[in-house]
Amino acid sequence: AKKEREIEGLKAQNDKADLDKKLSISDATST
């Protein structure tokens, strides 16, 4: 259960990082 929670956390972080990356790329591209 702990590993699943960690995996879920990592997935959430990864999703957030992907989102931030996409946003950064979008901002950089726009700039």
All heavy atoms as atom14 arrays in JSON, in Angstrom:
{
  "sequence": "AKKEREIEGLKAQNDKADLDKKLSISDATST",
  "atom14_mask": [
    [1, 1, 1, 1, 1, 0, 0, 0, 0, 0, 0, 0, 0, 0],
    [1, 1, 1, 1, 1, 1, 1, 1, 1, 0, 0, 0, 0, 0],
    [1, 1, 1, 1, 1, 1, 1, 1, 1, 0, 0, 0, 0, 0],
    [1, 1, 1, 1, 1, 1, 1, 1, 1, 0, 0, 0, 0, 0],
    [1, 1, 1, 1, 1, 1, 1, 1, 1, 1, 1, 0, 0, 0],
    [1, 1, 1, 1, 1, 1, 1, 1, 1, 0, 0, 0, 0, 0],
    [1, 1, 1, 1, 1, 1, 1, 1, 0, 0, 0, 0, 0, 0],
    [1, 1, 1, 1, 1, 1, 1, 1, 1, 0, 0, 0, 0, 0],
    [1, 1, 1, 1, 0, 0, 0, 0, 0, 0, 0, 0, 0, 0],
    [1, 1, 1, 1, 1, 1, 1, 1, 0, 0, 0, 0, 0, 0],
    [1, 1, 1, 1, 1, 1, 1, 1, 1, 0, 0, 0, 0, 0],
    [1, 1, 1, 1, 1, 0, 0, 0, 0, 0, 0, 0, 0, 0],
    [1, 1, 1, 1, 1, 1, 1, 1, 1, 0, 0, 0, 0, 0],
    [1, 1, 1, 1, 1, 1, 1, 1, 0, 0, 0, 0, 0, 0],
    [1, 1, 1, 1, 1, 1, 1, 1, 0, 0, 0, 0, 0, 0],
    [1, 1, 1, 1, 1, 1, 1, 1, 1, 0, 0, 0, 0, 0],
    [1, 1, 1, 1, 1, 0, 0, 0, 0, 0, 0, 0, 0, 0],
    [1, 1, 1, 1, 1, 1, 1, 1, 0, 0, 0, 0, 0, 0],
    [1, 1, 1, 1, 1, 1, 1, 1, 0, 0, 0, 0, 0, 0],
    [1, 1, 1, 1, 1, 1, 1, 1, 0, 0, 0, 0, 0, 0],
    [1, 1, 1, 1, 1, 1, 1, 1, 1, 0, 0, 0, 0, 0],
    [1, 1, 1, 1, 1, 1, 1, 1, 1, 0, 0, 0, 0, 0],
    [1, 1, 1, 1, 1, 1, 1, 1, 0, 0, 0, 0, 0, 0],
    [1, 1, 1, 1, 1, 1, 0, 0, 0, 0, 0, 0, 0, 0],
    [1, 1, 1, 1, 1, 1, 1, 1, 0, 0, 0, 0, 0, 0],
    [1, 1, 1, 1, 1, 1, 0, 0, 0, 0, 0, 0, 0, 0],
    [1, 1, 1, 1, 1, 1, 1, 1, 0, 0, 0, 0, 0, 0],
    [1, 1, 1, 1, 1, 0, 0, 0, 0, 0, 0, 0, 0, 0],
    [1, 1, 1, 1, 1, 1, 1, 0, 0, 0, 0, 0, 0, 0],
    [1, 1, 1, 1, 1, 1, 0, 0, 0, 0, 0, 0, 0, 0],
    [1, 1, 1, 1, 1, 1, 1, 0, 0, 0, 0, 0, 0, 0]
  ],
  "atom14_positions": [
    [[0.84, -1.21, 0.0], [0.0, 0.0, 0.0], [0.87, 1.26, 0.0], [0.59, 2.26, -0.68], [-0.93, -0.01, 1.21], [0.0, 0.0, 0.0], [0.0, 0.0, 0.0], [0.0, 0.0, 0.0], [0.0, 0.0, 0.0], [0.0, 0.0, 0.0], [0.0, 0.0, 0.0], [0.0, 0.0, 0.0], [0.0, 0.0, 0.0], [0.0, 0.0, 0.0]],
    [[1.98, 1.18, 0.8], [2.9, 2.32, 0.86], [3.54, 2.57, -0.5], [3.65, 3.72, -0.96], [3.97, 2.04, 1.91], [4.94, 3.2, 2.11], [5.95, 2.84, 3.2], [6.93, 3.98, 3.39], [7.93, 3.65, 4.43], [0.0, 0.0, 0.0], [0.0, 0.0, 0.0], [0.0, 0.0, 0.0], [0.0, 0.0, 0.0], [0.0, 0.0, 0.0]],
    [[3.99, 1.49, -1.15], [4.6, 1.62, -2.47], [3.59, 2.16, -3.47], [3.94, 2.99, -4.33], [5.12, 0.26, -2.94], [6.3, -0.26, -2.12], [7.51, 0.65, -2.27], [8.71, 0.1, -1.48], [9.87, 0.99, -1.58], [0.0, 0.0, 0.0], [0.0, 0.0, 0.0], [0.0, 0.0, 0.0], [0.0, 0.0, 0.0], [0.0, 0.0, 0.0]],
    [[2.34, 1.67, -3.34], [1.31, 2.17, -4.26], [1.08, 3.66, -4.05], [0.91, 4.42, -5.0], [0.02, 1.38, -4.05], [0.09, -0.05, -4.61], [-1.19, -0.82, -4.35], [-2.05, -0.27, -3.63], [-1.33, -1.94, -4.89], [0.0, 0.0, 0.0], [0.0, 0.0, 0.0], [0.0, 0.0, 0.0], [0.0, 0.0, 0.0], [0.0, 0.0, 0.0]],
    [[1.09, 4.06, -2.74], [0.93, 5.49, -2.47], [2.11, 6.29, -3.05], [1.94, 7.38, -3.61], [0.84, 5.73, -0.95], [-0.5, 5.28, -0.35], [-0.69, 5.84, 1.04], [0.35, 5.43, 1.97], [0.3, 4.32, 2.69], [-0.74, 3.48, 2.61], [1.3, 4.02, 3.51], [0.0, 0.0, 0.0], [0.0, 0.0, 0.0], [0.0, 0.0, 0.0]],
    [[3.35, 5.74, -2.87], [4.53, 6.42, -3.43], [4.43, 6.51, -4.94], [4.76, 7.54, -5.55], [5.8, 5.67, -3.02], [6.13, 5.81, -1.54], [7.4, 5.05, -1.18], [7.98, 4.38, -2.08], [7.84, 5.12, -0.01], [0.0, 0.0, 0.0], [0.0, 0.0, 0.0], [0.0, 0.0, 0.0], [0.0, 0.0, 0.0], [0.0, 0.0, 0.0]],
    [[3.99, 5.39, -5.53], [3.84, 5.39, -6.99], [2.82, 6.43, -7.42], [3.02, 7.17, -8.39], [3.45, 3.97, -7.48], [4.63, 3.02, -7.29], [3.01, 4.01, -8.94], [4.28, 1.56, -7.52], [0.0, 0.0, 0.0], [0.0, 0.0, 0.0], [0.0, 0.0, 0.0], [0.0, 0.0, 0.0], [0.0, 0.0, 0.0], [0.0, 0.0, 0.0]],
    [[1.71, 6.49, -6.66], [0.69, 7.48, -6.98], [1.25, 8.9, -6.83], [0.98, 9.79, -7.65], [-0.53, 7.28, -6.07], [-1.31, 6.01, -6.34], [-1.91, 5.99, -7.74], [-2.24, 7.08, -8.25], [-2.04, 4.89, -8.3], [0.0, 0.0, 0.0], [0.0, 0.0, 0.0], [0.0, 0.0, 0.0], [0.0, 0.0, 0.0], [0.0, 0.0, 0.0]],
    [[2.08, 9.07, -5.73], [2.7, 10.4, -5.53], [3.65, 10.75, -6.65], [3.68, 11.89, -7.15], [0.0, 0.0, 0.0], [0.0, 0.0, 0.0], [0.0, 0.0, 0.0], [0.0, 0.0, 0.0], [0.0, 0.0, 0.0], [0.0, 0.0, 0.0], [0.0, 0.0, 0.0], [0.0, 0.0, 0.0], [0.0, 0.0, 0.0], [0.0, 0.0, 0.0]],
    [[4.49, 9.74, -7.04], [5.43, 9.99, -8.14], [4.69, 10.27, -9.43], [5.11, 11.13, -10.23], [6.36, 8.79, -8.3], [7.37, 8.57, -7.17], [8.13, 7.27, -7.36], [8.37, 9.75, -7.11], [0.0, 0.0, 0.0], [0.0, 0.0, 0.0], [0.0, 0.0, 0.0], [0.0, 0.0, 0.0], [0.0, 0.0, 0.0], [0.0, 0.0, 0.0]],
    [[3.58, 9.51, -9.63], [2.79, 9.76, -10.83], [2.23, 11.18, -10.82], [2.24, 11.88, -11.84], [1.65, 8.74, -10.93], [2.09, 7.36, -11.37], [0.88, 6.43, -11.49], [1.29, 5.05, -11.99], [0.11, 4.14, -12.11], [0.0, 0.0, 0.0], [0.0, 0.0, 0.0], [0.0, 0.0, 0.0], [0.0, 0.0, 0.0], [0.0, 0.0, 0.0]],
    [[1.77, 11.59, -9.61], [1.22, 12.95, -9.51], [2.31, 13.99, -9.76], [2.1, 14.98, -10.48], [0.61, 13.16, -8.12], [0.0, 0.0, 0.0], [0.0, 0.0, 0.0], [0.0, 0.0, 0.0], [0.0, 0.0, 0.0], [0.0, 0.0, 0.0], [0.0, 0.0, 0.0], [0.0, 0.0, 0.0], [0.0, 0.0, 0.0], [0.0, 0.0, 0.0]],
    [[3.52, 13.73, -9.14], [4.63, 14.66, -9.37], [5.04, 14.69, -10.84], [5.33, 15.75, -11.41], [5.83, 14.27, -8.5], [5.6, 14.49, -7.01], [6.81, 14.05, -6.2], [7.82, 13.61, -6.75], [6.7, 14.16, -4.86], [0.0, 0.0, 0.0], [0.0, 0.0, 0.0], [0.0, 0.0, 0.0], [0.0, 0.0, 0.0], [0.0, 0.0, 0.0]],
    [[5.09, 13.49, -11.42], [5.46, 13.4, -12.83], [4.46, 14.15, -13.7], [4.83, 14.89, -14.63], [5.57, 11.94, -13.23], [6.2, 11.77, -14.6], [6.92, 12.64, -15.06], [5.93, 10.65, -15.25], [0.0, 0.0, 0.0], [0.0, 0.0, 0.0], [0.0, 0.0, 0.0], [0.0, 0.0, 0.0], [0.0, 0.0, 0.0], [0.0, 0.0, 0.0]],
    [[3.17, 13.93, -13.36], [2.13, 14.63, -14.11], [2.27, 16.14, -13.95], [2.12, 16.91, -14.92], [0.75, 14.17, -13.64], [0.48, 12.7, -14.0], [1.17, 12.2, -14.94], [-0.38, 12.07, -13.36], [0.0, 0.0, 0.0], [0.0, 0.0, 0.0], [0.0, 0.0, 0.0], [0.0, 0.0, 0.0], [0.0, 0.0, 0.0], [0.0, 0.0, 0.0]],
    [[2.59, 16.57, -12.69], [2.76, 18.0, -12.44], [3.99, 18.55, -13.18], [3.95, 19.63, -13.76], [2.9, 18.25, -10.94], [2.99, 19.73, -10.58], [3.1, 19.91, -9.09], [3.2, 21.4, -8.75], [3.36, 21.62, -7.3], [0.0, 0.0, 0.0], [0.0, 0.0, 0.0], [0.0, 0.0, 0.0], [0.0, 0.0, 0.0], [0.0, 0.0, 0.0]],
    [[5.1, 17.75, -13.11], [6.33, 18.18, -13.82], [6.06, 18.25, -15.32], [6.52, 19.2, -15.99], [7.46, 17.19, -13.53], [0.0, 0.0, 0.0], [0.0, 0.0, 0.0], [0.0, 0.0, 0.0], [0.0, 0.0, 0.0], [0.0, 0.0, 0.0], [0.0, 0.0, 0.0], [0.0, 0.0, 0.0], [0.0, 0.0, 0.0], [0.0, 0.0, 0.0]],
    [[5.33, 17.25, -15.83], [5.0, 17.29, -17.27], [4.16, 18.53, -17.58], [4.39, 19.21, -18.59], [4.24, 16.03, -17.66], [5.14, 14.8, -17.64], [6.38, 14.99, -17.7], [4.62, 13.67, -17.57], [0.0, 0.0, 0.0], [0.0, 0.0, 0.0], [0.0, 0.0, 0.0], [0.0, 0.0, 0.0], [0.0, 0.0, 0.0], [0.0, 0.0, 0.0]],
    [[3.23, 18.82, -16.66], [2.4, 19.99, -16.88], [3.21, 21.28, -16.82], [3.07, 22.16, -17.67], [1.28, 20.02, -15.82], [0.29, 21.2, -15.93], [-0.42, 21.17, -17.28], [-0.72, 21.14, -14.77], [0.0, 0.0, 0.0], [0.0, 0.0, 0.0], [0.0, 0.0, 0.0], [0.0, 0.0, 0.0], [0.0, 0.0, 0.0], [0.0, 0.0, 0.0]],
    [[4.12, 21.34, -15.77], [4.99, 22.53, -15.65], [5.89, 22.66, -16.87], [6.14, 23.77, -17.37], [5.84, 22.45, -14.38], [4.98, 22.56, -13.12], [3.85, 23.07, -13.23], [5.45, 22.13, -12.04], [0.0, 0.0, 0.0], [0.0, 0.0, 0.0], [0.0, 0.0, 0.0], [0.0, 0.0, 0.0], [0.0, 0.0, 0.0], [0.0, 0.0, 0.0]],
    [[6.43, 21.52, -17.3], [7.3, 21.52, -18.47], [6.55, 22.02, -19.7], [7.06, 22.83, -20.48], [7.86, 20.12, -18.69], [8.89, 20.03, -19.8], [9.47, 18.63, -19.88], [10.51, 18.55, -20.99], [11.05, 17.16, -21.1], [0.0, 0.0, 0.0], [0.0, 0.0, 0.0], [0.0, 0.0, 0.0], [0.0, 0.0, 0.0], [0.0, 0.0, 0.0]],
    [[5.34, 21.48, -19.84], [4.54, 21.9, -20.98], [4.23, 23.4, -20.9], [4.3, 24.12, -21.9], [3.24, 21.09, -21.03], [3.46, 19.64, -21.43], [2.14, 18.88, -21.43], [2.35, 17.42, -21.83], [1.08, 16.64, -21.81], [0.0, 0.0, 0.0], [0.0, 0.0, 0.0], [0.0, 0.0, 0.0], [0.0, 0.0, 0.0], [0.0, 0.0, 0.0]],
    [[3.9, 23.84, -19.65], [3.63, 25.27, -19.48], [4.86, 26.12, -19.76], [4.77, 27.17, -20.41], [3.12, 25.54, -18.05], [1.73, 24.98, -17.71], [1.42, 25.19, -16.23], [0.65, 25.65, -18.57], [0.0, 0.0, 0.0], [0.0, 0.0, 0.0], [0.0, 0.0, 0.0], [0.0, 0.0, 0.0], [0.0, 0.0, 0.0], [0.0, 0.0, 0.0]],
    [[6.06, 25.64, -19.25], [7.31, 26.38, -19.48], [7.63, 26.43, -20.96], [8.02, 27.48, -21.5], [8.46, 25.71, -18.73], [8.22, 25.72, -17.34], [0.0, 0.0, 0.0], [0.0, 0.0, 0.0], [0.0, 0.0, 0.0], [0.0, 0.0, 0.0], [0.0, 0.0, 0.0], [0.0, 0.0, 0.0], [0.0, 0.0, 0.0], [0.0, 0.0, 0.0]],
    [[7.47, 25.27, -21.61], [7.73, 25.24, -23.06], [6.77, 26.16, -23.78], [7.15, 26.9, -24.7], [7.61, 23.79, -23.58], [8.75, 22.93, -23.0], [7.64, 23.76, -25.1], [8.61, 21.45, -23.29], [0.0, 0.0, 0.0], [0.0, 0.0, 0.0], [0.0, 0.0, 0.0], [0.0, 0.0, 0.0], [0.0, 0.0, 0.0], [0.0, 0.0, 0.0]],
    [[5.52, 26.14, -23.32], [4.53, 27.01, -23.95], [4.88, 28.48, -23.75], [4.83, 29.29, -24.68], [3.14, 26.71, -23.37], [2.18, 27.58, -23.92], [0.0, 0.0, 0.0], [0.0, 0.0, 0.0], [0.0, 0.0, 0.0], [0.0, 0.0, 0.0], [0.0, 0.0, 0.0], [0.0, 0.0, 0.0], [0.0, 0.0, 0.0], [0.0, 0.0, 0.0]],
    [[5.28, 28.82, -22.47], [5.67, 30.21, -22.18], [6.89, 30.61, -22.99], [6.95, 31.71, -23.56], [5.94, 30.38, -20.69], [4.67, 30.22, -19.86], [3.57, 30.37, -20.43], [4.79, 29.96, -18.64], [0.0, 0.0, 0.0], [0.0, 0.0, 0.0], [0.0, 0.0, 0.0], [0.0, 0.0, 0.0], [0.0, 0.0, 0.0], [0.0, 0.0, 0.0]],
    [[7.92, 29.7, -22.98], [9.14, 30.01, -23.72], [8.86, 30.16, -25.21], [9.38, 31.07, -25.88], [10.18, 28.9, -23.5], [0.0, 0.0, 0.0], [0.0, 0.0, 0.0], [0.0, 0.0, 0.0], [0.0, 0.0, 0.0], [0.0, 0.0, 0.0], [0.0, 0.0, 0.0], [0.0, 0.0, 0.0], [0.0, 0.0, 0.0], [0.0, 0.0, 0.0]],
    [[8.03, 29.28, -25.71], [7.68, 29.35, -27.14], [6.95, 30.65, -27.44], [7.22, 31.32, -28.44], [6.81, 28.15, -27.52], [7.5, 26.94, -27.19], [6.52, 28.16, -29.01], [0.0, 0.0, 0.0], [0.0, 0.0, 0.0], [0.0, 0.0, 0.0], [0.0, 0.0, 0.0], [0.0, 0.0, 0.0], [0.0, 0.0, 0.0], [0.0, 0.0, 0.0]],
    [[6.03, 31.0, -26.51], [5.29, 32.24, -26.71], [6.21, 33.45, -26.67], [6.13, 34.35, -27.52], [4.21, 32.35, -25.63], [3.52, 33.58, -25.75], [0.0, 0.0, 0.0], [0.0, 0.0, 0.0], [0.0, 0.0, 0.0], [0.0, 0.0, 0.0], [0.0, 0.0, 0.0], [0.0, 0.0, 0.0], [0.0, 0.0, 0.0], [0.0, 0.0, 0.0]],
    [[7.14, 33.46, -25.64], [8.11, 34.57, -25.53], [9.01, 34.64, -26.75], [9.28, 35.71, -27.3], [8.95, 34.41, -24.26], [8.09, 34.32, -23.13], [9.9, 35.58, -24.09], [0.0, 0.0, 0.0], [0.0, 0.0, 0.0], [0.0, 0.0, 0.0], [0.0, 0.0, 0.0], [0.0, 0.0, 0.0], [0.0, 0.0, 0.0], [0.0, 0.0, 0.0]]
  ]
}
